[in-house]
Amino acid sequence: MPTLTVSIPKELKKRMDSLPEVNWPAVLRVRLEKRARQLLKFEEMRKRGEI
Protein backbone atom coordinates (compact mmCIF):
# COMPACT_ATOMS: atom_id res chain seq x y z
CA MET A 1 0.00 0.00 0.00
CA PRO A 2 1.40 3.46 -0.86
CA THR A 3 2.23 5.86 1.96
CA LEU A 4 0.95 9.42 2.25
CA THR A 5 2.63 11.91 4.58
CA VAL A 6 0.52 14.80 5.87
CA SER A 7 1.65 17.86 7.81
CA ILE A 8 -0.71 19.08 10.50
CA PRO A 9 -0.61 21.97 12.99
CA LYS A 10 0.91 21.23 16.40
CA GLU A 11 -2.38 21.94 18.17
CA LEU A 12 -4.18 19.36 16.07
CA LYS A 13 -1.44 16.83 16.81
CA LYS A 14 -1.89 17.47 20.54
CA ARG A 15 -5.64 16.90 20.27
CA MET A 16 -5.10 13.73 18.28
CA ASP A 17 -2.56 12.49 20.81
CA SER A 18 -5.13 13.03 23.57
CA LEU A 19 -7.29 10.38 21.86
CA PRO A 20 -4.97 7.36 21.67
CA GLU A 21 -7.87 4.96 21.15
CA VAL A 22 -8.57 6.47 17.71
CA ASN A 23 -6.91 4.78 14.75
CA TRP A 24 -6.10 8.00 12.87
CA PRO A 25 -4.67 6.33 9.75
CA ALA A 26 -7.92 4.36 9.38
CA VAL A 27 -10.01 7.50 9.94
CA LEU A 28 -8.09 9.34 7.23
CA ARG A 29 -8.23 6.38 4.82
CA VAL A 30 -12.02 6.21 5.11
CA ARG A 31 -12.44 9.98 4.78
CA LEU A 32 -10.11 10.25 1.78
CA GLU A 33 -11.90 7.40 0.01
CA LYS A 34 -15.28 9.03 0.64
CA ARG A 35 -14.07 12.38 -0.68
CA ALA A 36 -12.53 10.79 -3.78
CA ARG A 37 -15.86 9.07 -4.54
CA GLN A 38 -17.72 12.38 -4.09
CA LEU A 39 -15.38 14.22 -6.43
CA LEU A 40 -15.58 11.50 -9.09
CA LYS A 41 -19.38 11.54 -8.92
CA PHE A 42 -19.38 15.34 -9.17
CA GLU A 43 -17.11 15.18 -12.22
CA GLU A 44 -19.34 12.57 -13.90
CA MET A 45 -22.41 14.75 -13.29
CA ARG A 46 -20.61 17.80 -14.65
CA LYS A 47 -19.63 15.95 -17.82
CA ARG A 48 -23.25 14.88 -18.37
CA GLY A 49 -24.39 18.50 -17.90
CA GLU A 50 -26.40 17.71 -14.78
CA ILE A 51 -24.78 20.53 -12.85
PDB file of N, CA and C in Angstrom:
ATOM      1  N   MET A   1       0.851  -1.168   0.000  1.00  0.00           N
ATOM      2  CA  MET A   1       0.000   0.000   0.000  1.00  0.00           C
ATOM      3  C   MET A   1       0.901   1.237   0.000  1.00  0.00           C
ATOM      4  N   PRO A   2       0.614   2.231  -0.850  1.00  0.00           N
ATOM      5  CA  PRO A   2       1.404   3.462  -0.857  1.00  0.00           C
ATOM      6  C   PRO A   2       1.255   4.222   0.463  1.00  0.00           C
ATOM      7  N   THR A   3       2.233   5.051   0.745  1.00  0.00           N
ATOM      8  CA  THR A   3       2.228   5.857   1.956  1.00  0.00           C
ATOM      9  C   THR A   3       2.011   7.314   1.602  1.00  0.00           C
ATOM     10  N   LEU A   4       1.209   8.000   2.413  1.00  0.00           N
ATOM     11  CA  LEU A   4       0.950   9.425   2.252  1.00  0.00           C
ATOM     12  C   LEU A   4       1.374  10.119   3.536  1.00  0.00           C
ATOM     13  N   THR A   5       2.196  11.143   3.421  1.00  0.00           N
ATOM     14  CA  THR A   5       2.627  11.911   4.579  1.00  0.00           C
ATOM     15  C   THR A   5       1.881  13.235   4.583  1.00  0.00           C
ATOM     16  N   VAL A   6       1.316  13.581   5.743  1.00  0.00           N
ATOM     17  CA  VAL A   6       0.518  14.796   5.871  1.00  0.00           C
ATOM     18  C   VAL A   6       1.088  15.642   7.002  1.00  0.00           C
ATOM     19  N   SER A   7       1.230  16.932   6.758  1.00  0.00           N
ATOM     20  CA  SER A   7       1.653  17.864   7.806  1.00  0.00           C
ATOM     21  C   SER A   7       0.408  18.462   8.447  1.00  0.00           C
ATOM     22  N   ILE A   8       0.420  18.516   9.770  1.00  0.00           N
ATOM     23  CA  ILE A   8      -0.714  19.082  10.501  1.00  0.00           C
ATOM     24  C   ILE A   8      -0.189  20.065  11.543  1.00  0.00           C
ATOM     25  N   PRO A   9      -1.028  21.018  11.955  1.00  0.00           N
ATOM     26  CA  PRO A   9      -0.609  21.968  12.986  1.00  0.00           C
ATOM     27  C   PRO A   9      -0.335  21.251  14.316  1.00  0.00           C
ATOM     28  N   LYS A  10       0.547  21.837  15.112  1.00  0.00           N
ATOM     29  CA  LYS A  10       0.908  21.234  16.398  1.00  0.00           C
ATOM     30  C   LYS A  10      -0.297  21.059  17.312  1.00  0.00           C
ATOM     31  N   GLU A  11      -1.200  22.035  17.316  1.00  0.00           N
ATOM     32  CA  GLU A  11      -2.385  21.942  18.173  1.00  0.00           C
ATOM     33  C   GLU A  11      -3.252  20.748  17.795  1.00  0.00           C
ATOM     34  N   LEU A  12      -3.407  20.512  16.513  1.00  0.00           N
ATOM     35  CA  LEU A  12      -4.184  19.356  16.069  1.00  0.00           C
ATOM     36  C   LEU A  12      -3.496  18.068  16.505  1.00  0.00           C
ATOM     37  N   LYS A  13      -2.194  18.011  16.385  1.00  0.00           N
ATOM     38  CA  LYS A  13      -1.442  16.826  16.811  1.00  0.00           C
ATOM     39  C   LYS A  13      -1.648  16.567  18.299  1.00  0.00           C
ATOM     40  N   LYS A  14      -1.659  17.625  19.099  1.00  0.00           N
ATOM     41  CA  LYS A  14      -1.890  17.473  20.542  1.00  0.00           C
ATOM     42  C   LYS A  14      -3.277  16.895  20.807  1.00  0.00           C
ATOM     43  N   ARG A  15      -4.279  17.408  20.087  1.00  0.00           N
ATOM     44  CA  ARG A  15      -5.645  16.903  20.274  1.00  0.00           C
ATOM     45  C   ARG A  15      -5.735  15.439  19.850  1.00  0.00           C
ATOM     46  N   MET A  16      -5.088  15.118  18.739  1.00  0.00           N
ATOM     47  CA  MET A  16      -5.096  13.728  18.279  1.00  0.00           C
ATOM     48  C   MET A  16      -4.395  12.821  19.287  1.00  0.00           C
ATOM     49  N   ASP A  17      -3.300  13.283  19.832  1.00  0.00           N
ATOM     50  CA  ASP A  17      -2.555  12.491  20.815  1.00  0.00           C
ATOM     51  C   ASP A  17      -3.364  12.272  22.091  1.00  0.00           C
ATOM     52  N   SER A  18      -4.307  13.179  22.363  1.00  0.00           N
ATOM     53  CA  SER A  18      -5.132  13.034  23.566  1.00  0.00           C
ATOM     54  C   SER A  18      -6.219  11.975  23.377  1.00  0.00           C
ATOM     55  N   LEU A  19      -6.310  11.425  22.166  1.00  0.00           N
ATOM     56  CA  LEU A  19      -7.292  10.381  21.857  1.00  0.00           C
ATOM     57  C   LEU A  19      -6.575   9.143  21.310  1.00  0.00           C
ATOM     58  N   PRO A  20      -5.783   8.477  22.156  1.00  0.00           N
ATOM     59  CA  PRO A  20      -4.966   7.356  21.673  1.00  0.00           C
ATOM     60  C   PRO A  20      -5.782   6.160  21.186  1.00  0.00           C
ATOM     61  N   GLU A  21      -7.041   6.088  21.572  1.00  0.00           N
ATOM     62  CA  GLU A  21      -7.870   4.960  21.145  1.00  0.00           C
ATOM     63  C   GLU A  21      -8.320   5.071  19.689  1.00  0.00           C
ATOM     64  N   VAL A  22      -8.153   6.260  19.100  1.00  0.00           N
ATOM     65  CA  VAL A  22      -8.570   6.473  17.713  1.00  0.00           C
ATOM     66  C   VAL A  22      -7.470   6.010  16.765  1.00  0.00           C
ATOM     67  N   ASN A  23      -7.842   5.244  15.781  1.00  0.00           N
ATOM     68  CA  ASN A  23      -6.910   4.775  14.752  1.00  0.00           C
ATOM     69  C   ASN A  23      -6.912   5.831  13.641  1.00  0.00           C
ATOM     70  N   TRP A  24      -6.086   6.856  13.785  1.00  0.00           N
ATOM     71  CA  TRP A  24      -6.102   7.996  12.866  1.00  0.00           C
ATOM     72  C   TRP A  24      -5.807   7.611  11.422  1.00  0.00           C
ATOM     73  N   PRO A  25      -4.875   6.719  11.151  1.00  0.00           N
ATOM     74  CA  PRO A  25      -4.675   6.326   9.749  1.00  0.00           C
ATOM     75  C   PRO A  25      -5.944   5.736   9.127  1.00  0.00           C
ATOM     76  N   ALA A  26      -6.678   4.938   9.896  1.00  0.00           N
ATOM     77  CA  ALA A  26      -7.920   4.359   9.381  1.00  0.00           C
ATOM     78  C   ALA A  26      -8.967   5.440   9.161  1.00  0.00           C
ATOM     79  N   VAL A  27      -9.059   6.389  10.082  1.00  0.00           N
ATOM     80  CA  VAL A  27     -10.009   7.497   9.938  1.00  0.00           C
ATOM     81  C   VAL A  27      -9.714   8.263   8.652  1.00  0.00           C
ATOM     82  N   LEU A  28      -8.457   8.585   8.431  1.00  0.00           N
ATOM     83  CA  LEU A  28      -8.086   9.336   7.232  1.00  0.00           C
ATOM     84  C   LEU A  28      -8.313   8.526   5.961  1.00  0.00           C
ATOM     85  N   ARG A  29      -8.007   7.238   5.999  1.00  0.00           N
ATOM     86  CA  ARG A  29      -8.228   6.382   4.824  1.00  0.00           C
ATOM     87  C   ARG A  29      -9.699   6.391   4.410  1.00  0.00           C
ATOM     88  N   VAL A  30     -10.582   6.226   5.389  1.00  0.00           N
ATOM     89  CA  VAL A  30     -12.020   6.211   5.110  1.00  0.00           C
ATOM     90  C   VAL A  30     -12.471   7.560   4.569  1.00  0.00           C
ATOM     91  N   ARG A  31     -12.015   8.634   5.193  1.00  0.00           N
ATOM     92  CA  ARG A  31     -12.436   9.975   4.776  1.00  0.00           C
ATOM     93  C   ARG A  31     -11.908  10.320   3.385  1.00  0.00           C
ATOM     94  N   LEU A  32     -10.671   9.969   3.099  1.00  0.00           N
ATOM     95  CA  LEU A  32     -10.108  10.249   1.778  1.00  0.00           C
ATOM     96  C   LEU A  32     -10.832   9.459   0.690  1.00  0.00           C
ATOM     97  N   GLU A  33     -11.165   8.216   0.983  1.00  0.00           N
ATOM     98  CA  GLU A  33     -11.902   7.401   0.013  1.00  0.00           C
ATOM     99  C   GLU A  33     -13.277   8.004  -0.258  1.00  0.00           C
ATOM    100  N   LYS A  34     -13.956   8.422   0.796  1.00  0.00           N
ATOM    101  CA  LYS A  34     -15.279   9.032   0.639  1.00  0.00           C
ATOM    102  C   LYS A  34     -15.194  10.299  -0.206  1.00  0.00           C
ATOM    103  N   ARG A  35     -14.220  11.132   0.072  1.00  0.00           N
ATOM    104  CA  ARG A  35     -14.068  12.385  -0.675  1.00  0.00           C
ATOM    105  C   ARG A  35     -13.727  12.115  -2.139  1.00  0.00           C
ATOM    106  N   ALA A  36     -12.881  11.138  -2.400  1.00  0.00           N
ATOM    107  CA  ALA A  36     -12.531  10.792  -3.778  1.00  0.00           C
ATOM    108  C   ALA A  36     -13.773  10.335  -4.539  1.00  0.00           C
ATOM    109  N   ARG A  37     -14.614   9.511  -3.892  1.00  0.00           N
ATOM    110  CA  ARG A  37     -15.857   9.073  -4.542  1.00  0.00           C
ATOM    111  C   ARG A  37     -16.773  10.256  -4.833  1.00  0.00           C
ATOM    112  N   GLN A  38     -16.881  11.200  -3.888  1.00  0.00           N
ATOM    113  CA  GLN A  38     -17.716  12.385  -4.088  1.00  0.00           C
ATOM    114  C   GLN A  38     -17.225  13.201  -5.276  1.00  0.00           C
ATOM    115  N   LEU A  39     -15.933  13.415  -5.350  1.00  0.00           N
ATOM    116  CA  LEU A  39     -15.375  14.221  -6.432  1.00  0.00           C
ATOM    117  C   LEU A  39     -15.546  13.547  -7.786  1.00  0.00           C
ATOM    118  N   LEU A  40     -15.378  12.232  -7.835  1.00  0.00           N
ATOM    119  CA  LEU A  40     -15.577  11.505  -9.087  1.00  0.00           C
ATOM    120  C   LEU A  40     -17.035  11.579  -9.539  1.00  0.00           C
ATOM    121  N   LYS A  41     -17.957  11.437  -8.592  1.00  0.00           N
ATOM    122  CA  LYS A  41     -19.381  11.537  -8.916  1.00  0.00           C
ATOM    123  C   LYS A  41     -19.709  12.942  -9.427  1.00  0.00           C
ATOM    124  N   PHE A  42     -19.180  13.952  -8.761  1.00  0.00           N
ATOM    125  CA  PHE A  42     -19.383  15.339  -9.171  1.00  0.00           C
ATOM    126  C   PHE A  42     -18.875  15.548 -10.596  1.00  0.00           C
ATOM    127  N   GLU A  43     -17.697  15.026 -10.891  1.00  0.00           N
ATOM    128  CA  GLU A  43     -17.109  15.181 -12.222  1.00  0.00           C
ATOM    129  C   GLU A  43     -17.957  14.477 -13.284  1.00  0.00           C
ATOM    130  N   GLU A  44     -18.463  13.286 -12.963  1.00  0.00           N
ATOM    131  CA  GLU A  44     -19.340  12.574 -13.901  1.00  0.00           C
ATOM    132  C   GLU A  44     -20.608  13.375 -14.176  1.00  0.00           C
ATOM    133  N   MET A  45     -21.196  13.946 -13.133  1.00  0.00           N
ATOM    134  CA  MET A  45     -22.409  14.754 -13.293  1.00  0.00           C
ATOM    135  C   MET A  45     -22.124  16.000 -14.130  1.00  0.00           C
ATOM    136  N   ARG A  46     -20.981  16.605 -13.905  1.00  0.00           N
ATOM    137  CA  ARG A  46     -20.606  17.800 -14.654  1.00  0.00           C
ATOM    138  C   ARG A  46     -20.456  17.475 -16.138  1.00  0.00           C
ATOM    139  N   LYS A  47     -19.824  16.350 -16.424  1.00  0.00           N
ATOM    140  CA  LYS A  47     -19.630  15.946 -17.819  1.00  0.00           C
ATOM    141  C   LYS A  47     -20.953  15.668 -18.526  1.00  0.00           C
ATOM    142  N   ARG A  48     -21.933  15.168 -17.781  1.00  0.00           N
ATOM    143  CA  ARG A  48     -23.248  14.885 -18.366  1.00  0.00           C
ATOM    144  C   ARG A  48     -24.130  16.132 -18.431  1.00  0.00           C
ATOM    145  N   GLY A  49     -23.629  17.252 -17.880  1.00  0.00           N
ATOM    146  CA  GLY A  49     -24.392  18.499 -17.897  1.00  0.00           C
ATOM    147  C   GLY A  49     -25.487  18.557 -16.851  1.00  0.00           C
ATOM    148  N   GLU A  50     -25.388  17.731 -15.838  1.00  0.00           N
ATOM    149  CA  GLU A  50     -26.402  17.707 -14.784  1.00  0.00           C
ATOM    150  C   GLU A  50     -26.207  18.818 -13.765  1.00  0.00           C
ATOM    151  N   ILE A  51     -25.033  19.405 -13.765  1.00  0.00           N
ATOM    152  CA  ILE A  51     -24.775  20.526 -12.848  1.00  0.00           C
ATOM    153  C   ILE A  51     -24.062  21.638 -13.587  1.00  0.00           C
TER     154      ILE A  51
END
